[in-house]
N, C-alpha and C. Protein backbone atom coordinates (compact mmCIF):
# COMPACT_ATOMS: atom_id res chain seq x y z
N UNK A 1 0.84 -1.18 0.00
CA UNK A 1 0.00 0.00 0.00
C UNK A 1 0.88 1.24 0.00
N UNK A 2 0.55 2.18 -0.90
CA UNK A 2 1.37 3.37 -1.00
C UNK A 2 0.99 4.40 0.04
N UNK A 3 1.96 5.23 0.36
CA UNK A 3 1.72 6.33 1.29
C UNK A 3 0.96 7.44 0.58
N UNK A 4 0.39 8.42 1.34
CA UNK A 4 -0.32 9.51 0.67
C UNK A 4 0.55 10.29 -0.29
N UNK A 5 1.89 10.33 -0.06
CA UNK A 5 2.76 11.07 -0.96
C UNK A 5 2.98 10.33 -2.27
N UNK A 6 3.17 9.00 -2.19
CA UNK A 6 3.44 8.24 -3.40
C UNK A 6 2.19 7.94 -4.20
N UNK A 7 1.00 8.02 -3.59
CA UNK A 7 -0.23 7.73 -4.31
C UNK A 7 -0.77 8.94 -5.05
N UNK A 8 -0.17 10.13 -4.89
CA UNK A 8 -0.63 11.33 -5.56
C UNK A 8 -0.03 11.41 -6.97
N UNK A 9 -0.55 12.37 -7.73
CA UNK A 9 -0.04 12.58 -9.08
C UNK A 9 1.40 13.11 -9.01
N UNK A 10 2.23 12.78 -10.00
CA UNK A 10 3.60 13.30 -9.98
C UNK A 10 3.63 14.79 -10.30
N UNK A 11 4.70 15.42 -9.86
CA UNK A 11 4.88 16.85 -10.16
C UNK A 11 5.24 17.02 -11.64
N UNK A 12 4.78 18.09 -12.29
CA UNK A 12 3.93 19.18 -11.77
C UNK A 12 2.44 18.96 -11.99
N UNK A 13 2.05 17.72 -12.39
CA UNK A 13 0.63 17.48 -12.65
C UNK A 13 -0.20 17.58 -11.38
N UNK A 14 0.40 17.34 -10.25
CA UNK A 14 -0.36 17.38 -9.01
C UNK A 14 -0.81 18.80 -8.66
N UNK A 15 -0.17 19.81 -9.24
CA UNK A 15 -0.58 21.19 -8.94
C UNK A 15 -1.99 21.44 -9.47
N UNK A 16 -2.22 21.07 -10.74
CA UNK A 16 -3.56 21.24 -11.30
C UNK A 16 -4.56 20.31 -10.63
N UNK A 17 -4.13 19.11 -10.28
CA UNK A 17 -5.02 18.15 -9.64
C UNK A 17 -5.47 18.67 -8.27
N UNK A 18 -4.53 19.21 -7.50
CA UNK A 18 -4.90 19.74 -6.18
C UNK A 18 -5.72 21.01 -6.29
N UNK A 19 -5.46 21.82 -7.29
CA UNK A 19 -6.27 23.03 -7.47
C UNK A 19 -7.71 22.67 -7.79
N UNK A 20 -7.89 21.71 -8.68
CA UNK A 20 -9.26 21.30 -9.02
C UNK A 20 -9.99 20.66 -7.85
N UNK A 21 -9.28 19.79 -7.12
CA UNK A 21 -9.91 19.16 -5.96
C UNK A 21 -10.25 20.15 -4.87
N UNK A 22 -9.34 21.11 -4.62
CA UNK A 22 -9.61 22.13 -3.60
C UNK A 22 -10.77 23.04 -4.01
N UNK A 23 -10.85 23.40 -5.30
CA UNK A 23 -11.97 24.23 -5.74
C UNK A 23 -13.30 23.51 -5.57
N UNK A 24 -13.34 22.23 -5.95
CA UNK A 24 -14.58 21.48 -5.79
C UNK A 24 -14.98 21.35 -4.33
N UNK A 25 -14.02 21.07 -3.46
CA UNK A 25 -14.33 20.94 -2.04
C UNK A 25 -14.83 22.26 -1.47
N UNK A 26 -14.15 23.36 -1.84
CA UNK A 26 -14.59 24.67 -1.34
C UNK A 26 -15.96 25.07 -1.89
N UNK A 27 -16.21 24.76 -3.15
CA UNK A 27 -17.50 25.13 -3.73
C UNK A 27 -18.65 24.36 -3.11
N UNK A 28 -18.45 23.06 -2.91
CA UNK A 28 -19.52 22.25 -2.32
C UNK A 28 -19.75 22.64 -0.85
N UNK A 29 -18.64 22.72 -0.09
CA UNK A 29 -18.80 23.11 1.31
C UNK A 29 -19.34 24.52 1.47
N UNK A 30 -18.84 25.47 0.64
CA UNK A 30 -19.34 26.85 0.71
C UNK A 30 -20.80 26.95 0.30
N UNK A 31 -21.23 26.15 -0.67
CA UNK A 31 -22.63 26.18 -1.08
C UNK A 31 -23.54 25.74 0.06
N UNK A 32 -23.17 24.63 0.73
CA UNK A 32 -24.00 24.17 1.84
C UNK A 32 -24.04 25.20 2.97
N UNK A 33 -22.88 25.75 3.32
CA UNK A 33 -22.83 26.70 4.42
C UNK A 33 -23.63 27.96 4.12
N UNK A 34 -23.40 28.55 2.95
CA UNK A 34 -24.07 29.82 2.64
C UNK A 34 -25.55 29.62 2.31
N UNK A 35 -25.94 28.44 1.84
CA UNK A 35 -27.37 28.22 1.62
C UNK A 35 -28.11 28.18 2.96
N UNK A 36 -27.52 27.47 3.94
CA UNK A 36 -28.17 27.43 5.26
C UNK A 36 -28.18 28.83 5.89
N UNK A 37 -27.09 29.55 5.71
CA UNK A 37 -27.02 30.91 6.26
C UNK A 37 -28.04 31.83 5.60
N UNK A 38 -28.14 31.78 4.26
CA UNK A 38 -29.14 32.59 3.56
C UNK A 38 -30.56 32.18 3.88
N UNK A 39 -30.78 30.89 4.07
CA UNK A 39 -32.11 30.41 4.44
C UNK A 39 -32.52 30.92 5.81
N UNK A 40 -31.56 31.02 6.72
CA UNK A 40 -31.86 31.46 8.08
C UNK A 40 -32.12 32.97 8.14
N UNK A 41 -31.36 33.75 7.37
CA UNK A 41 -31.47 35.21 7.45
C UNK A 41 -32.50 35.79 6.46
N UNK A 42 -33.12 34.98 5.66
CA UNK A 42 -34.10 35.49 4.69
C UNK A 42 -35.45 35.73 5.38
N UNK A 43 -36.27 36.62 4.82
CA UNK A 43 -37.61 36.83 5.39
C UNK A 43 -38.48 35.59 5.25
N UNK A 44 -39.54 35.56 5.99
CA UNK A 44 -40.44 34.41 5.97
C UNK A 44 -41.09 34.26 4.60
N UNK A 45 -41.02 33.05 4.08
CA UNK A 45 -41.58 32.76 2.77
C UNK A 45 -40.60 32.93 1.63
N UNK A 46 -39.43 33.48 1.87
CA UNK A 46 -38.44 33.70 0.82
C UNK A 46 -37.10 33.04 1.17
N UNK A 47 -37.15 31.97 1.96
CA UNK A 47 -35.93 31.31 2.40
C UNK A 47 -35.16 30.66 1.26
N UNK A 48 -35.89 29.95 0.38
CA UNK A 48 -35.21 29.28 -0.73
C UNK A 48 -34.58 30.28 -1.69
N UNK A 49 -35.28 31.39 -1.92
CA UNK A 49 -34.72 32.40 -2.82
C UNK A 49 -33.48 33.04 -2.21
N UNK A 50 -33.53 33.37 -0.92
CA UNK A 50 -32.39 33.97 -0.25
C UNK A 50 -31.21 33.00 -0.17
N UNK A 51 -31.49 31.72 0.08
CA UNK A 51 -30.41 30.74 0.12
C UNK A 51 -29.75 30.55 -1.23
N UNK A 52 -30.54 30.54 -2.30
CA UNK A 52 -29.97 30.39 -3.64
C UNK A 52 -29.11 31.59 -4.02
N UNK A 53 -29.57 32.79 -3.68
CA UNK A 53 -28.77 33.97 -3.97
C UNK A 53 -27.46 33.98 -3.19
N UNK A 54 -27.50 33.55 -1.94
CA UNK A 54 -26.27 33.49 -1.13
C UNK A 54 -25.29 32.48 -1.72
N UNK A 55 -25.79 31.36 -2.24
CA UNK A 55 -24.91 30.36 -2.85
C UNK A 55 -24.26 30.92 -4.11
N UNK A 56 -25.05 31.62 -4.97
CA UNK A 56 -24.50 32.16 -6.22
C UNK A 56 -23.46 33.25 -5.95
N UNK A 57 -23.62 33.96 -4.88
CA UNK A 57 -22.70 35.06 -4.60
C UNK A 57 -21.43 34.61 -3.88
N UNK A 58 -21.52 33.61 -3.03
CA UNK A 58 -20.40 33.28 -2.15
C UNK A 58 -19.70 31.96 -2.47
N UNK A 59 -20.41 31.00 -3.05
CA UNK A 59 -19.79 29.69 -3.29
C UNK A 59 -18.59 29.77 -4.24
N UNK A 60 -18.67 30.53 -5.37
CA UNK A 60 -17.47 30.63 -6.22
C UNK A 60 -16.29 31.29 -5.51
N UNK A 61 -16.57 32.26 -4.66
CA UNK A 61 -15.49 32.92 -3.94
C UNK A 61 -14.80 31.95 -2.97
N UNK A 62 -15.58 31.15 -2.26
CA UNK A 62 -14.99 30.17 -1.34
C UNK A 62 -14.21 29.10 -2.11
N UNK A 63 -14.77 28.66 -3.24
CA UNK A 63 -14.06 27.68 -4.06
C UNK A 63 -12.76 28.23 -4.61
N UNK A 64 -12.76 29.52 -5.01
CA UNK A 64 -11.53 30.13 -5.51
C UNK A 64 -10.47 30.25 -4.42
N UNK A 65 -10.88 30.59 -3.21
CA UNK A 65 -9.92 30.68 -2.11
C UNK A 65 -9.28 29.33 -1.82
N UNK A 66 -10.10 28.29 -1.83
CA UNK A 66 -9.55 26.94 -1.63
C UNK A 66 -8.61 26.55 -2.77
N UNK A 67 -8.97 26.95 -4.00
CA UNK A 67 -8.11 26.62 -5.14
C UNK A 67 -6.76 27.32 -5.03
N UNK A 68 -6.75 28.57 -4.59
CA UNK A 68 -5.49 29.28 -4.41
C UNK A 68 -4.63 28.59 -3.36
N UNK A 69 -5.26 28.22 -2.24
CA UNK A 69 -4.50 27.55 -1.19
C UNK A 69 -3.95 26.21 -1.69
N UNK A 70 -4.77 25.44 -2.41
CA UNK A 70 -4.31 24.15 -2.93
C UNK A 70 -3.21 24.30 -3.96
N UNK A 71 -3.32 25.32 -4.83
CA UNK A 71 -2.27 25.53 -5.82
C UNK A 71 -0.95 25.93 -5.19
N UNK A 72 -0.98 26.83 -4.22
CA UNK A 72 0.26 27.22 -3.54
C UNK A 72 0.87 26.04 -2.76
N UNK A 73 0.01 25.29 -2.11
CA UNK A 73 0.52 24.14 -1.35
C UNK A 73 1.21 23.14 -2.27
N UNK A 74 0.60 22.82 -3.40
CA UNK A 74 1.21 21.87 -4.33
C UNK A 74 2.49 22.42 -4.94
N UNK A 75 2.52 23.74 -5.18
CA UNK A 75 3.74 24.35 -5.72
C UNK A 75 4.90 24.23 -4.74
N UNK A 76 4.64 24.56 -3.48
CA UNK A 76 5.69 24.41 -2.46
C UNK A 76 6.07 22.94 -2.26
N UNK A 77 5.08 22.06 -2.36
CA UNK A 77 5.36 20.64 -2.19
C UNK A 77 6.27 20.12 -3.29
N UNK A 78 5.99 20.49 -4.53
CA UNK A 78 6.85 20.07 -5.64
C UNK A 78 8.25 20.69 -5.52
N UNK A 79 8.29 21.91 -5.01
CA UNK A 79 9.61 22.53 -4.80
C UNK A 79 10.42 21.77 -3.78
N UNK A 80 9.79 21.34 -2.68
CA UNK A 80 10.49 20.57 -1.66
C UNK A 80 10.91 19.20 -2.18
N UNK A 81 10.09 18.61 -3.03
CA UNK A 81 10.47 17.32 -3.62
C UNK A 81 11.70 17.48 -4.51
N UNK A 82 11.75 18.57 -5.26
CA UNK A 82 12.89 18.83 -6.13
C UNK A 82 14.15 19.11 -5.31
N UNK A 83 14.02 19.84 -4.21
CA UNK A 83 15.20 20.19 -3.40
C UNK A 83 15.69 18.98 -2.61
N UNK A 84 14.79 18.26 -1.96
CA UNK A 84 15.19 17.17 -1.08
C UNK A 84 15.33 15.84 -1.82
N UNK A 85 14.79 15.75 -3.04
CA UNK A 85 14.90 14.54 -3.84
C UNK A 85 14.27 13.32 -3.18
N UNK A 86 13.22 13.54 -2.44
CA UNK A 86 12.45 12.45 -1.84
C UNK A 86 11.12 12.98 -1.38
N UNK A 87 10.17 12.05 -1.22
CA UNK A 87 8.83 12.41 -0.79
C UNK A 87 8.55 11.77 0.56
N UNK A 88 8.25 12.59 1.53
CA UNK A 88 7.91 12.12 2.86
C UNK A 88 6.99 13.15 3.51
N UNK A 89 6.45 12.87 4.70
CA UNK A 89 5.54 13.83 5.34
C UNK A 89 6.14 15.19 5.63
N UNK A 90 7.47 15.28 5.73
CA UNK A 90 8.08 16.58 6.00
C UNK A 90 7.83 17.57 4.88
N UNK A 91 7.74 17.08 3.66
CA UNK A 91 7.45 17.99 2.54
C UNK A 91 6.09 18.65 2.70
N UNK A 92 5.10 17.85 3.11
CA UNK A 92 3.75 18.41 3.29
C UNK A 92 3.71 19.37 4.47
N UNK A 93 4.41 19.06 5.55
CA UNK A 93 4.39 19.94 6.72
C UNK A 93 5.05 21.28 6.39
N UNK A 94 6.20 21.23 5.73
CA UNK A 94 6.88 22.48 5.36
C UNK A 94 6.06 23.27 4.35
N UNK A 95 5.42 22.57 3.43
CA UNK A 95 4.60 23.24 2.41
C UNK A 95 3.38 23.91 3.05
N UNK A 96 2.77 23.24 4.04
CA UNK A 96 1.63 23.85 4.73
C UNK A 96 2.03 25.11 5.48
N UNK A 97 3.19 25.07 6.15
CA UNK A 97 3.67 26.27 6.85
C UNK A 97 3.99 27.39 5.87
N UNK A 98 4.63 27.06 4.77
CA UNK A 98 4.99 28.08 3.79
C UNK A 98 3.75 28.68 3.14
N UNK A 99 2.74 27.86 2.89
CA UNK A 99 1.51 28.38 2.27
C UNK A 99 0.78 29.32 3.22
N UNK A 100 0.67 28.90 4.49
CA UNK A 100 0.00 29.78 5.45
C UNK A 100 0.72 31.10 5.63
N UNK A 101 2.05 31.07 5.69
CA UNK A 101 2.79 32.32 5.84
C UNK A 101 2.73 33.19 4.60
N UNK A 102 2.73 32.59 3.41
CA UNK A 102 2.73 33.37 2.17
C UNK A 102 1.39 34.07 1.97
N UNK A 103 0.29 33.42 2.33
CA UNK A 103 -1.02 34.02 2.13
C UNK A 103 -1.26 35.20 3.08
N UNK A 104 -0.59 35.23 4.21
CA UNK A 104 -0.77 36.31 5.18
C UNK A 104 0.40 37.30 5.21
N UNK A 105 1.15 37.33 4.13
CA UNK A 105 2.33 38.19 4.08
C UNK A 105 1.97 39.67 4.16
N UNK A 106 0.84 40.05 3.59
CA UNK A 106 0.49 41.47 3.58
C UNK A 106 0.02 41.95 4.94
N UNK A 107 -0.28 41.05 5.86
CA UNK A 107 -0.75 41.43 7.19
C UNK A 107 0.40 41.69 8.17
N UNK A 108 1.63 41.46 7.75
CA UNK A 108 2.75 41.69 8.64
C UNK A 108 3.44 40.39 9.03
N UNK A 109 4.63 40.58 9.57
CA UNK A 109 5.45 39.42 9.90
C UNK A 109 4.84 38.60 11.04
N UNK A 110 4.28 39.27 12.03
CA UNK A 110 3.72 38.54 13.17
C UNK A 110 2.53 37.70 12.76
N UNK A 111 1.63 38.27 11.99
CA UNK A 111 0.45 37.52 11.53
C UNK A 111 0.87 36.38 10.60
N UNK A 112 1.86 36.66 9.73
CA UNK A 112 2.33 35.61 8.82
C UNK A 112 2.98 34.47 9.59
N UNK A 113 3.69 34.78 10.66
CA UNK A 113 4.33 33.73 11.45
C UNK A 113 3.29 32.85 12.13
N UNK A 114 2.25 33.49 12.70
CA UNK A 114 1.20 32.69 13.33
C UNK A 114 0.48 31.81 12.31
N UNK A 115 0.23 32.36 11.14
CA UNK A 115 -0.43 31.58 10.11
C UNK A 115 0.45 30.43 9.62
N UNK A 116 1.76 30.67 9.52
CA UNK A 116 2.67 29.60 9.12
C UNK A 116 2.72 28.49 10.17
N UNK A 117 2.75 28.87 11.45
CA UNK A 117 2.76 27.86 12.51
C UNK A 117 1.46 27.05 12.50
N UNK A 118 0.34 27.74 12.30
CA UNK A 118 -0.95 27.03 12.25
C UNK A 118 -0.99 26.06 11.07
N UNK A 119 -0.50 26.51 9.90
CA UNK A 119 -0.50 25.63 8.74
C UNK A 119 0.40 24.42 8.93
N UNK A 120 1.57 24.62 9.54
CA UNK A 120 2.46 23.49 9.78
C UNK A 120 1.87 22.48 10.74
N UNK A 121 1.25 22.96 11.82
CA UNK A 121 0.64 22.05 12.80
C UNK A 121 -0.54 21.31 12.19
N UNK A 122 -1.35 22.01 11.41
CA UNK A 122 -2.50 21.37 10.77
C UNK A 122 -2.06 20.26 9.82
N UNK A 123 -1.06 20.53 9.01
CA UNK A 123 -0.58 19.50 8.09
C UNK A 123 0.11 18.36 8.83
N UNK A 124 0.76 18.65 9.96
CA UNK A 124 1.37 17.58 10.75
C UNK A 124 0.30 16.65 11.30
N UNK A 125 -0.81 17.21 11.77
CA UNK A 125 -1.91 16.37 12.28
C UNK A 125 -2.52 15.52 11.16
N UNK A 126 -2.69 16.14 10.00
CA UNK A 126 -3.28 15.39 8.87
C UNK A 126 -2.36 14.26 8.43
N UNK A 127 -1.06 14.54 8.31
CA UNK A 127 -0.12 13.51 7.89
C UNK A 127 0.00 12.41 8.95
N UNK A 128 -0.01 12.77 10.23
CA UNK A 128 0.05 11.75 11.28
C UNK A 128 -1.16 10.85 11.27
N UNK A 129 -2.35 11.44 11.07
CA UNK A 129 -3.55 10.61 11.00
C UNK A 129 -3.50 9.69 9.79
N UNK A 130 -3.00 10.18 8.65
CA UNK A 130 -2.89 9.33 7.46
C UNK A 130 -1.92 8.17 7.66
N UNK A 131 -0.80 8.42 8.33
CA UNK A 131 0.17 7.35 8.58
C UNK A 131 -0.41 6.29 9.51
N UNK A 132 -1.13 6.72 10.55
CA UNK A 132 -1.72 5.77 11.48
C UNK A 132 -2.79 4.91 10.79
N UNK A 133 -3.59 5.53 9.94
CA UNK A 133 -4.62 4.77 9.22
C UNK A 133 -3.98 3.76 8.27
N UNK A 134 -2.92 4.16 7.57
CA UNK A 134 -2.24 3.25 6.66
C UNK A 134 -1.62 2.07 7.40
N UNK A 135 -1.01 2.32 8.56
CA UNK A 135 -0.43 1.22 9.34
C UNK A 135 -1.50 0.28 9.84
N UNK A 136 -2.64 0.82 10.27
CA UNK A 136 -3.72 -0.03 10.78
C UNK A 136 -4.28 -0.91 9.67
N UNK A 137 -4.49 -0.32 8.50
CA UNK A 137 -5.03 -1.10 7.37
C UNK A 137 -4.03 -2.15 6.92
N UNK A 138 -2.74 -1.81 6.88
CA UNK A 138 -1.71 -2.78 6.49
C UNK A 138 -1.63 -3.93 7.48
N UNK A 139 -1.76 -3.62 8.79
CA UNK A 139 -1.72 -4.69 9.80
C UNK A 139 -2.92 -5.61 9.67
N UNK A 140 -4.09 -5.06 9.34
CA UNK A 140 -5.27 -5.90 9.16
C UNK A 140 -5.16 -6.79 7.94
N UNK A 141 -4.54 -6.29 6.88
CA UNK A 141 -4.39 -7.11 5.67
C UNK A 141 -3.35 -8.20 5.84
N UNK A 142 -2.32 -7.97 6.65
CA UNK A 142 -1.28 -8.97 6.85
C UNK A 142 -1.61 -9.99 7.93
N UNK A 143 -2.68 -9.79 8.66
CA UNK A 143 -3.03 -10.72 9.73
C UNK A 143 -3.54 -12.03 9.13
N UNK A 144 -2.94 -13.20 9.46
CA UNK A 144 -3.40 -14.47 8.89
C UNK A 144 -4.75 -14.87 9.46
N UNK A 145 -5.51 -15.56 8.66
CA UNK A 145 -6.83 -16.05 9.07
C UNK A 145 -6.67 -17.49 9.55
N UNK A 146 -6.97 -17.72 10.82
CA UNK A 146 -6.84 -19.04 11.42
C UNK A 146 -8.18 -19.77 11.32
N UNK A 147 -8.15 -20.93 10.67
CA UNK A 147 -9.35 -21.76 10.52
C UNK A 147 -9.07 -23.08 11.22
N UNK A 148 -9.84 -23.37 12.24
CA UNK A 148 -9.65 -24.58 13.03
C UNK A 148 -10.75 -25.57 12.69
N UNK A 149 -10.37 -26.73 12.24
CA UNK A 149 -11.31 -27.77 11.87
C UNK A 149 -11.18 -28.93 12.85
N UNK A 150 -12.29 -29.37 13.37
CA UNK A 150 -12.33 -30.49 14.30
C UNK A 150 -13.14 -31.61 13.68
N UNK A 151 -12.54 -32.80 13.65
CA UNK A 151 -13.23 -33.97 13.14
C UNK A 151 -14.11 -34.54 14.24
N UNK A 152 -15.38 -34.83 13.96
CA UNK A 152 -16.24 -35.39 15.01
C UNK A 152 -15.81 -36.81 15.35
N UNK A 153 -15.75 -37.11 16.65
CA UNK A 153 -15.40 -38.43 17.15
C UNK A 153 -16.60 -39.03 17.87
N UNK A 154 -16.94 -40.22 17.52
CA UNK A 154 -18.04 -40.91 18.19
C UNK A 154 -17.59 -41.37 19.56
N UNK A 155 -18.56 -41.52 20.45
CA UNK A 155 -18.23 -41.96 21.80
C UNK A 155 -17.66 -43.36 21.75
N UNK A 156 -16.52 -43.50 22.37
CA UNK A 156 -15.87 -44.80 22.39
C UNK A 156 -14.99 -45.05 21.21
N UNK A 157 -14.96 -44.16 20.22
CA UNK A 157 -14.14 -44.35 19.04
C UNK A 157 -12.70 -43.99 19.32
N UNK A 158 -11.85 -44.17 18.35
CA UNK A 158 -10.43 -43.83 18.55
C UNK A 158 -10.24 -42.34 18.71
N UNK A 159 -9.43 -41.96 19.65
CA UNK A 159 -9.17 -40.56 19.91
C UNK A 159 -10.19 -39.90 20.80
N UNK A 160 -11.20 -40.67 21.29
CA UNK A 160 -12.24 -40.09 22.14
C UNK A 160 -12.00 -40.49 23.58
N UNK A 161 -12.12 -39.56 24.47
CA UNK A 161 -11.87 -39.83 25.88
C UNK A 161 -12.84 -39.01 26.69
N UNK A 162 -13.56 -39.68 27.57
CA UNK A 162 -14.53 -39.01 28.41
C UNK A 162 -13.82 -38.24 29.50
N UNK A 163 -14.49 -37.22 30.08
CA UNK A 163 -13.87 -36.52 31.21
C UNK A 163 -13.69 -37.45 32.40
N UNK A 164 -12.66 -37.21 33.18
CA UNK A 164 -12.33 -38.00 34.37
C UNK A 164 -12.15 -39.48 34.04
N UNK A 165 -11.65 -39.75 32.88
CA UNK A 165 -11.41 -41.13 32.46
C UNK A 165 -9.93 -41.31 32.24
N UNK A 166 -9.38 -42.36 32.83
CA UNK A 166 -7.95 -42.63 32.68
C UNK A 166 -7.66 -43.03 31.26
N UNK A 167 -6.54 -42.65 30.74
CA UNK A 167 -6.19 -43.05 29.36
C UNK A 167 -6.01 -44.54 29.26
N UNK A 168 -6.57 -45.10 28.20
CA UNK A 168 -6.50 -46.54 27.98
C UNK A 168 -5.16 -46.92 27.41
N UNK A 169 -4.57 -47.99 27.92
CA UNK A 169 -3.27 -48.41 27.39
C UNK A 169 -3.41 -48.95 25.99
N UNK A 170 -2.35 -48.79 25.23
CA UNK A 170 -2.34 -49.28 23.85
C UNK A 170 -2.19 -50.79 23.83
N UNK A 171 -2.80 -51.46 22.91
CA UNK A 171 -2.68 -52.92 22.85
C UNK A 171 -1.25 -53.33 22.56
N UNK A 172 -0.83 -54.42 23.21
CA UNK A 172 0.54 -54.89 23.06
C UNK A 172 0.74 -55.50 21.69
N UNK A 173 1.96 -55.34 21.19
CA UNK A 173 2.27 -55.87 19.86
C UNK A 173 2.45 -57.38 19.88
N UNK A 174 2.75 -57.93 21.08
CA UNK A 174 2.95 -59.40 21.16
C UNK A 174 1.61 -60.09 21.27
N UNK A 175 1.37 -61.10 20.54
CA UNK A 175 0.11 -61.85 20.53
C UNK A 175 0.42 -63.33 20.56
N UNK A 176 -0.52 -64.06 21.14
CA UNK A 176 -0.34 -65.52 21.25
C UNK A 176 -0.59 -66.16 19.90
N UNK A 177 0.31 -67.01 19.52
CA UNK A 177 0.20 -67.70 18.24
C UNK A 177 0.12 -69.20 18.48
N UNK A 178 -0.63 -69.86 17.71
CA UNK A 178 -0.83 -71.32 17.82
C UNK A 178 -0.09 -72.01 16.71
N UNK A 179 0.48 -73.15 17.05
CA UNK A 179 1.18 -73.94 16.04
C UNK A 179 0.19 -74.54 15.06
N UNK A 180 0.61 -74.55 13.79
CA UNK A 180 -0.30 -75.09 12.77
C UNK A 180 -0.54 -76.58 12.98
N UNK A 181 0.55 -77.28 13.33
CA UNK A 181 0.44 -78.71 13.52
C UNK A 181 -0.42 -79.04 14.76
N UNK A 182 -0.16 -78.31 15.86
CA UNK A 182 -0.92 -78.55 17.07
C UNK A 182 -2.37 -78.16 16.92
N UNK A 183 -2.63 -77.06 16.24
CA UNK A 183 -4.01 -76.66 16.04
C UNK A 183 -4.77 -77.60 15.14
N UNK A 184 -4.06 -78.24 14.23
CA UNK A 184 -4.73 -79.16 13.31
C UNK A 184 -5.17 -80.43 14.02
N UNK A 185 -4.34 -80.93 14.95
CA UNK A 185 -4.67 -82.16 15.67
C UNK A 185 -5.29 -81.89 17.04
N UNK A 186 -5.59 -80.69 17.37
CA UNK A 186 -6.23 -80.41 18.65
C UNK A 186 -5.30 -79.87 19.69
N UNK A 187 -4.01 -79.84 19.40
CA UNK A 187 -3.06 -79.30 20.35
C UNK A 187 -3.08 -77.78 20.35
N UNK A 188 -2.51 -77.19 21.37
CA UNK A 188 -2.54 -75.73 21.50
C UNK A 188 -1.31 -75.28 22.25
N UNK A 189 -0.69 -74.26 21.76
CA UNK A 189 0.47 -73.67 22.41
C UNK A 189 0.17 -72.24 22.78
N UNK A 190 0.75 -71.81 23.84
CA UNK A 190 0.57 -70.43 24.32
C UNK A 190 1.93 -69.83 24.60
N UNK A 191 2.17 -68.71 23.99
CA UNK A 191 3.45 -68.02 24.15
C UNK A 191 3.23 -66.75 24.94
N UNK A 192 4.09 -66.57 25.89
CA UNK A 192 4.03 -65.34 26.70
C UNK A 192 5.41 -64.71 26.68
N UNK A 193 5.42 -63.42 26.36
CA UNK A 193 6.69 -62.70 26.29
C UNK A 193 7.05 -62.19 27.66
N UNK A 194 8.32 -62.36 27.99
CA UNK A 194 8.85 -61.87 29.26
C UNK A 194 10.07 -61.03 28.98
N UNK A 195 10.60 -60.43 30.02
CA UNK A 195 11.76 -59.57 29.84
C UNK A 195 12.99 -60.36 29.43
N UNK A 196 13.08 -61.68 29.85
CA UNK A 196 14.25 -62.49 29.52
C UNK A 196 14.17 -63.16 28.17
N UNK A 197 12.98 -63.25 27.60
CA UNK A 197 12.84 -63.91 26.31
C UNK A 197 11.42 -64.40 26.13
N UNK A 198 11.27 -65.44 25.31
CA UNK A 198 9.96 -66.00 25.00
C UNK A 198 9.87 -67.37 25.63
N UNK A 199 8.81 -67.64 26.36
CA UNK A 199 8.58 -68.92 27.03
C UNK A 199 7.40 -69.61 26.39
N UNK A 200 7.61 -70.87 26.00
CA UNK A 200 6.57 -71.64 25.33
C UNK A 200 6.08 -72.73 26.27
N UNK A 201 4.78 -72.82 26.42
CA UNK A 201 4.18 -73.85 27.25
C UNK A 201 3.29 -74.73 26.39
N UNK A 202 3.43 -76.05 26.56
CA UNK A 202 2.62 -77.02 25.82
C UNK A 202 1.45 -77.37 26.71
N UNK A 203 0.26 -77.03 26.24
CA UNK A 203 -0.92 -77.32 27.05
C UNK A 203 -1.45 -78.72 26.78
N UNK A 204 -1.56 -79.10 25.56
CA UNK A 204 -2.09 -80.42 25.23
C UNK A 204 -1.26 -81.02 24.11
N UNK A 205 -1.15 -82.31 24.12
CA UNK A 205 -0.42 -83.00 23.07
C UNK A 205 -0.87 -84.46 23.03
N UNK A 206 -0.73 -85.07 21.86
CA UNK A 206 -1.06 -86.50 21.73
C UNK A 206 0.08 -87.39 22.19
N UNK A 207 1.26 -86.81 22.44
CA UNK A 207 2.40 -87.62 22.86
C UNK A 207 2.48 -87.73 24.37
N UNK A 208 1.42 -88.16 25.03
CA UNK A 208 1.40 -88.36 26.48
C UNK A 208 1.99 -89.72 26.81
N UNK A 209 2.65 -89.92 28.00
CA UNK A 209 3.25 -91.22 28.30
C UNK A 209 2.23 -92.34 28.52
N UNK A 210 1.07 -92.06 29.07
CA UNK A 210 0.06 -93.09 29.29
C UNK A 210 -1.24 -92.64 28.69
N UNK A 211 -1.75 -93.38 27.78
CA UNK A 211 -3.04 -92.99 27.16
C UNK A 211 -4.16 -93.10 28.18
N UNK A 212 -5.18 -92.37 28.05
CA UNK A 212 -6.31 -92.43 28.99
C UNK A 212 -7.07 -93.75 28.83
N UNK A 213 -7.57 -94.24 29.93
CA UNK A 213 -8.34 -95.51 29.95
C UNK A 213 -9.80 -95.21 30.19
N UNK A 214 -10.62 -96.04 29.66
CA UNK A 214 -12.07 -95.85 29.77
C UNK A 214 -12.63 -97.07 30.52
N UNK A 215 -13.16 -96.90 31.68
CA UNK A 215 -13.73 -97.97 32.45
C UNK A 215 -15.22 -97.80 32.56
N UNK A 216 -15.92 -98.92 32.38
CA UNK A 216 -17.37 -98.90 32.47
C UNK A 216 -17.79 -99.57 33.78
N UNK A 217 -18.53 -98.90 34.57
CA UNK A 217 -19.01 -99.45 35.83
C UNK A 217 -20.50 -99.66 35.76
């Protein structure tokens, strides 16, 4: 995002641009002000006529005064850009002070000094407000958008844990395996893993020393 200085028209085109903008602002604002003033001071029943006459008489004068101020300000601003070879808020502050002092030169040095100080302070406030607004907008545009997505988990499913419930241990990787030969003939083996190794126990086998006997009573 460009600063107010870099987003303006380049010199010397900005002189005409600022003159036109200042004239339009002064004409519109002066028209509203003098219409309300003429409407208030006109006799009863002739308010609209008095307001229209006040606008025709005073609005061009106010617009011209604004245009003169804007033209002088842009002229001093372009001069400061040429002398300092850069554009920053100091150019606008110095230009505002120079414009205020130049317009009040015929009133004397003291009046011109006060007007120059007022113009410099006014432009400093305007430039400071513009810088703060630009920084705020830039910070809002650079702020990342955090989107948090949560997958629904059914009760008792993996990754689901009720409050005040101890974490369930993970199933052991060791599992009991049965011999193919023993399982085929009815035998069964059970393996249990221990810290020293693997222990195999034979539960049943056909190779018993004495076969079972069947007695009928």
